[in-house]
C-alpha atoms as a PDB file:
ATOM      1  CA  UNK A   1     232.729  10.968 123.838  1.00  0.00           C
ATOM      2  CA  UNK A   2     234.108  11.873 120.411  1.00  0.00           C
ATOM      3  CA  UNK A   3     237.087  14.236 120.250  1.00  0.00           C
ATOM      4  CA  UNK A   4     235.349  16.719 117.959  1.00  0.00           C
ATOM      5  CA  UNK A   5     232.479  17.054 120.431  1.00  0.00           C
ATOM      6  CA  UNK A   6     234.893  17.814 123.293  1.00  0.00           C
ATOM      7  CA  UNK A   7     236.580  20.525 121.204  1.00  0.00           C
ATOM      8  CA  UNK A   8     233.196  21.928 120.189  1.00  0.00           C
ATOM      9  CA  UNK A   9     232.027  22.115 123.816  1.00  0.00           C
ATOM     10  CA  UNK A  10     235.325  23.784 124.774  1.00  0.00           C
ATOM     11  CA  UNK A  11     234.832  26.319 121.956  1.00  0.00           C
ATOM     12  CA  UNK A  12     231.298  27.096 123.147  1.00  0.00           C
ATOM     13  CA  UNK A  13     232.434  27.436 126.760  1.00  0.00           C
ATOM     14  CA  UNK A  14     235.304  29.766 125.848  1.00  0.00           C
ATOM     15  CA  UNK A  15     233.014  31.814 123.620  1.00  0.00           C
ATOM     16  CA  UNK A  16     230.438  32.169 126.387  1.00  0.00           C
ATOM     17  CA  UNK A  17     233.053  33.264 128.918  1.00  0.00           C
ATOM     18  CA  UNK A  18     234.459  35.758 126.364  1.00  0.00           C
ATOM     19  CA  UNK A  19     231.070  37.450 126.175  1.00  0.00           C
ATOM     20  CA  UNK A  20     231.387  38.342 129.854  1.00  0.00           C
ATOM     21  CA  UNK A  21     235.115  39.200 129.982  1.00  0.00           C
ATOM     22  CA  UNK A  22     235.622  40.974 126.618  1.00  0.00           C
ATOM     23  CA  UNK A  23     239.367  40.285 126.643  1.00  0.00           C
ATOM     24  CA  UNK A  24     239.529  38.899 123.085  1.00  0.00           C
ATOM     25  CA  UNK A  25     241.880  36.170 124.343  1.00  0.00           C
ATOM     26  CA  UNK A  26     239.195  33.657 125.283  1.00  0.00           C
ATOM     27  CA  UNK A  27     237.352  34.308 122.034  1.00  0.00           C
ATOM     28  CA  UNK A  28     240.522  33.561 120.070  1.00  0.00           C
ATOM     29  CA  UNK A  29     241.060  30.361 122.057  1.00  0.00           C
ATOM     30  CA  UNK A  30     237.426  29.464 121.382  1.00  0.00           C
ATOM     31  CA  UNK A  31     238.020  29.972 117.674  1.00  0.00           C
ATOM     32  CA  UNK A  32     241.101  27.753 117.846  1.00  0.00           C
ATOM     33  CA  UNK A  33     239.045  25.079 119.629  1.00  0.00           C
ATOM     34  CA  UNK A  34     236.367  25.353 116.930  1.00  0.00           C
ATOM     35  CA  UNK A  35     238.986  24.894 114.214  1.00  0.00           C
ATOM     36  CA  UNK A  36     240.360  21.906 116.108  1.00  0.00           C
ATOM     37  CA  UNK A  37     236.847  20.430 116.355  1.00  0.00           C
ATOM     38  CA  UNK A  38     236.750  20.480 112.554  1.00  0.00           C
ATOM     39  CA  UNK A  39     240.143  18.766 112.368  1.00  0.00           C
ATOM     40  CA  UNK A  40     238.983  16.145 114.876  1.00  0.00           C
ATOM     41  CA  UNK A  41     235.751  15.563 112.905  1.00  0.00           C
ATOM     42  CA  UNK A  42     237.808  14.828 109.787  1.00  0.00           C
ATOM     43  CA  UNK A  43     239.542  12.105 111.761  1.00  0.00           C
ATOM     44  CA  UNK A  44     243.000  13.390 112.656  1.00  0.00           C
ATOM     45  CA  UNK A  45     244.672  11.924 115.740  1.00  0.00           C
ATOM     46  CA  UNK A  46     244.814  13.590 119.162  1.00  0.00           C
ATOM     47  CA  UNK A  47     248.473  14.749 118.807  1.00  0.00           C
ATOM     48  CA  UNK A  48     247.614  16.475 115.501  1.00  0.00           C
ATOM     49  CA  UNK A  49     244.582  18.087 117.149  1.00  0.00           C
ATOM     50  CA  UNK A  50     246.747  19.506 119.946  1.00  0.00           C
ATOM     51  CA  UNK A  51     249.261  20.866 117.418  1.00  0.00           C
ATOM     52  CA  UNK A  52     246.433  22.528 115.445  1.00  0.00           C
ATOM     53  CA  UNK A  53     244.952  24.007 118.630  1.00  0.00           C
ATOM     54  CA  UNK A  54     248.362  25.275 119.785  1.00  0.00           C
ATOM     55  CA  UNK A  55     249.266  26.833 116.427  1.00  0.00           C
ATOM     56  CA  UNK A  56     245.847  28.434 115.961  1.00  0.00           C
ATOM     57  CA  UNK A  57     245.909  29.790 119.528  1.00  0.00           C
ATOM     58  CA  UNK A  58     249.406  31.245 119.279  1.00  0.00           C
ATOM     59  CA  UNK A  59     248.798  32.778 115.850  1.00  0.00           C
ATOM     60  CA  UNK A  60     245.489  34.229 116.980  1.00  0.00           C
ATOM     61  CA  UNK A  61     246.915  35.680 120.182  1.00  0.00           C
ATOM     62  CA  UNK A  62     249.982  37.105 118.435  1.00  0.00           C
ATOM     63  CA  UNK A  63     248.283  38.446 115.300  1.00  0.00           C
ATOM     64  CA  UNK A  64     244.609  39.073 116.006  1.00  0.00           C
ATOM     65  CA  UNK A  65     244.509  40.167 119.657  1.00  0.00           C
ATOM     66  CA  UNK A  66     246.760  43.243 119.181  1.00  0.00           C
ATOM     67  CA  UNK A  67     244.561  44.360 116.279  1.00  0.00           C
ATOM     68  CA  UNK A  68     241.440  43.959 118.405  1.00  0.00           C
ATOM     69  CA  UNK A  69     242.952  45.971 121.256  1.00  0.00           C
ATOM     70  CA  UNK A  70     244.084  48.717 118.872  1.00  0.00           C
ATOM     71  CA  UNK A  71     240.588  48.898 117.430  1.00  0.00           C
ATOM     72  CA  UNK A  72     239.071  49.209 120.910  1.00  0.00           C
ATOM     73  CA  UNK A  73     241.492  51.983 121.935  1.00  0.00           C
ATOM     74  CA  UNK A  74     240.751  54.208 118.932  1.00  0.00           C
ATOM     75  CA  UNK A  75     238.470  57.128 119.656  1.00  0.00           C
ATOM     76  CA  UNK A  76     235.050  56.968 118.113  1.00  0.00           C
ATOM     77  CA  UNK A  77     235.253  58.657 114.710  1.00  0.00           C
ATOM     78  CA  UNK A  78     231.529  59.227 114.246  1.00  0.00           C
ATOM     79  CA  UNK A  79     229.503  60.977 116.915  1.00  0.00           C
ATOM     80  CA  UNK A  80     225.976  59.738 117.601  1.00  0.00           C
ATOM     81  CA  UNK A  81     222.934  61.062 119.388  1.00  0.00           C
ATOM     82  CA  UNK A  82     223.231  64.376 121.183  1.00  0.00           C
ATOM     83  CA  UNK A  83     227.037  64.256 120.858  1.00  0.00           C
ATOM     84  CA  UNK A  84     226.569  64.801 117.113  1.00  0.00           C
ATOM     85  CA  UNK A  85     224.862  68.138 117.849  1.00  0.00           C
ATOM     86  CA  UNK A  86     227.846  69.649 119.666  1.00  0.00           C
ATOM     87  CA  UNK A  87     229.350  72.370 117.522  1.00  0.00           C
ATOM     88  CA  UNK A  88     226.298  72.510 115.233  1.00  0.00           C
ATOM     89  CA  UNK A  89     224.658  75.770 114.303  1.00  0.00           C
ATOM     90  CA  UNK A  90     221.141  76.531 115.364  1.00  0.00           C
ATOM     91  CA  UNK A  91     218.536  79.232 114.892  1.00  0.00           C
ATOM     92  CA  UNK A  92     216.784  80.971 117.790  1.00  0.00           C
ATOM     93  CA  UNK A  93     213.012  80.574 117.490  1.00  0.00           C
ATOM     94  CA  UNK A  94     212.154  82.216 120.818  1.00  0.00           C
ATOM     95  CA  UNK A  95     214.439  84.535 122.792  1.00  0.00           C
ATOM     96  CA  UNK A  96     216.942  82.538 124.855  1.00  0.00           C
ATOM     97  CA  UNK A  97     217.353  83.614 128.471  1.00  0.00           C
ATOM     98  CA  UNK A  98     218.490  81.798 131.581  1.00  0.00           C
ATOM     99  CA  UNK A  99     214.854  80.747 132.184  1.00  0.00           C
ATOM    100  CA  UNK A 100     213.387  80.193 128.718  1.00  0.00           C
ATOM    101  CA  UNK A 101     214.132  79.801 125.020  1.00  0.00           C
ATOM    102  CA  UNK A 102     213.697  77.632 121.913  1.00  0.00           C
ATOM    103  CA  UNK A 103     216.125  76.904 119.094  1.00  0.00           C
ATOM    104  CA  UNK A 104     216.046  74.817 115.925  1.00  0.00           C
ATOM    105  CA  UNK A 105     219.050  72.506 115.602  1.00  0.00           C
ATOM    106  CA  UNK A 106     219.403  70.090 112.680  1.00  0.00           C
ATOM    107  CA  UNK A 107     215.702  70.437 111.896  1.00  0.00           C
ATOM    108  CA  UNK A 108     214.530  69.766 115.457  1.00  0.00           C
ATOM    109  CA  UNK A 109     213.199  72.157 118.067  1.00  0.00           C
ATOM    110  CA  UNK A 110     215.053  72.198 121.393  1.00  0.00           C
ATOM    111  CA  UNK A 111     214.628  73.951 124.710  1.00  0.00           C
ATOM    112  CA  UNK A 112     217.598  76.286 125.024  1.00  0.00           C
ATOM    113  CA  UNK A 113     219.539  78.247 127.598  1.00  0.00           C
ATOM    114  CA  UNK A 114     222.504  80.540 127.019  1.00  0.00           C
ATOM    115  CA  UNK A 115     225.884  78.990 127.788  1.00  0.00           C
ATOM    116  CA  UNK A 116     226.674  82.212 129.630  1.00  0.00           C
ATOM    117  CA  UNK A 117     223.814  82.804 132.119  1.00  0.00           C
ATOM    118  CA  UNK A 118     224.146  86.590 131.805  1.00  0.00           C
ATOM    119  CA  UNK A 119     223.362  86.616 128.084  1.00  0.00           C
ATOM    120  CA  UNK A 120     220.040  87.135 126.372  1.00  0.00           C
ATOM    121  CA  UNK A 121     220.036  85.872 122.795  1.00  0.00           C
ATOM    122  CA  UNK A 122     217.345  87.471 120.609  1.00  0.00           C
ATOM    123  CA  UNK A 123     215.040  85.643 118.233  1.00  0.00           C
ATOM    124  CA  UNK A 124     216.533  85.098 114.761  1.00  0.00           C
ATOM    125  CA  UNK A 125     220.143  84.824 115.968  1.00  0.00           C
ATOM    126  CA  UNK A 126     222.395  82.051 114.736  1.00  0.00           C
ATOM    127  CA  UNK A 127     223.835  80.129 117.666  1.00  0.00           C
ATOM    128  CA  UNK A 128     226.273  77.309 118.232  1.00  0.00           C
ATOM    129  CA  UNK A 129     225.536  74.316 120.460  1.00  0.00           C
ATOM    130  CA  UNK A 130     228.180  73.982 123.178  1.00  0.00           C
ATOM    131  CA  UNK A 131     226.521  71.463 125.482  1.00  0.00           C
ATOM    132  CA  UNK A 132     223.402  69.309 125.755  1.00  0.00           C
ATOM    133  CA  UNK A 133     221.956  68.435 129.143  1.00  0.00           C
ATOM    134  CA  UNK A 134     218.863  66.275 129.002  1.00  0.00           C
ATOM    135  CA  UNK A 135     216.614  67.950 126.454  1.00  0.00           C
ATOM    136  CA  UNK A 136     218.149  71.408 126.859  1.00  0.00           C
ATOM    137  CA  UNK A 137     220.753  72.822 124.494  1.00  0.00           C
ATOM    138  CA  UNK A 138     223.220  75.321 125.903  1.00  0.00           C
ATOM    139  CA  UNK A 139     224.044  77.722 123.097  1.00  0.00           C
ATOM    140  CA  UNK A 140     226.302  80.662 122.341  1.00  0.00           C
ATOM    141  CA  UNK A 141     225.643  83.303 119.675  1.00  0.00           C
ATOM    142  CA  UNK A 142     227.756  82.969 116.543  1.00  0.00           C
ATOM    143  CA  UNK A 143     230.132  80.200 115.499  1.00  0.00           C
ATOM    144  CA  UNK A 144     233.449  81.337 116.945  1.00  0.00           C
ATOM    145  CA  UNK A 145     234.086  79.109 119.972  1.00  0.00           C
ATOM    146  CA  UNK A 146     234.512  75.650 118.377  1.00  0.00           C
ATOM    147  CA  UNK A 147     235.927  76.863 115.087  1.00  0.00           C
ATOM    148  CA  UNK A 148     238.873  78.643 116.700  1.00  0.00           C
ATOM    149  CA  UNK A 149     240.070  75.573 118.619  1.00  0.00           C
END
């Protein structure tokens, strides 16, 4: 079996295992094996191939892996889905009580309940979304809670 084919199979195997482990290390080693497959296909000898694989692996693990881990540890800067609605203002379409209510948030109509069960929020009031549970928005009148933190 040709050397380049062995390196290519090793690269594919490491890449497949990386998909399941998500450590970044096996993916980097797979990339080094892929680079070495190219070197082997050009016709370099086995000792040169091992040096290329070793250098590419070490450089990748030392330089790229810490960057990948830092990227994964950063908090998400953009909120998506219902998380993006937290802190948004809404408009009460139908009086909000602990049993019933409708609000318009970001152009969409939502079932609503007051964040504080004892409150009744009248129609026409501006509210702030504090929590979403399923398809129900828990709201508080005004915009003071999130803005003060």
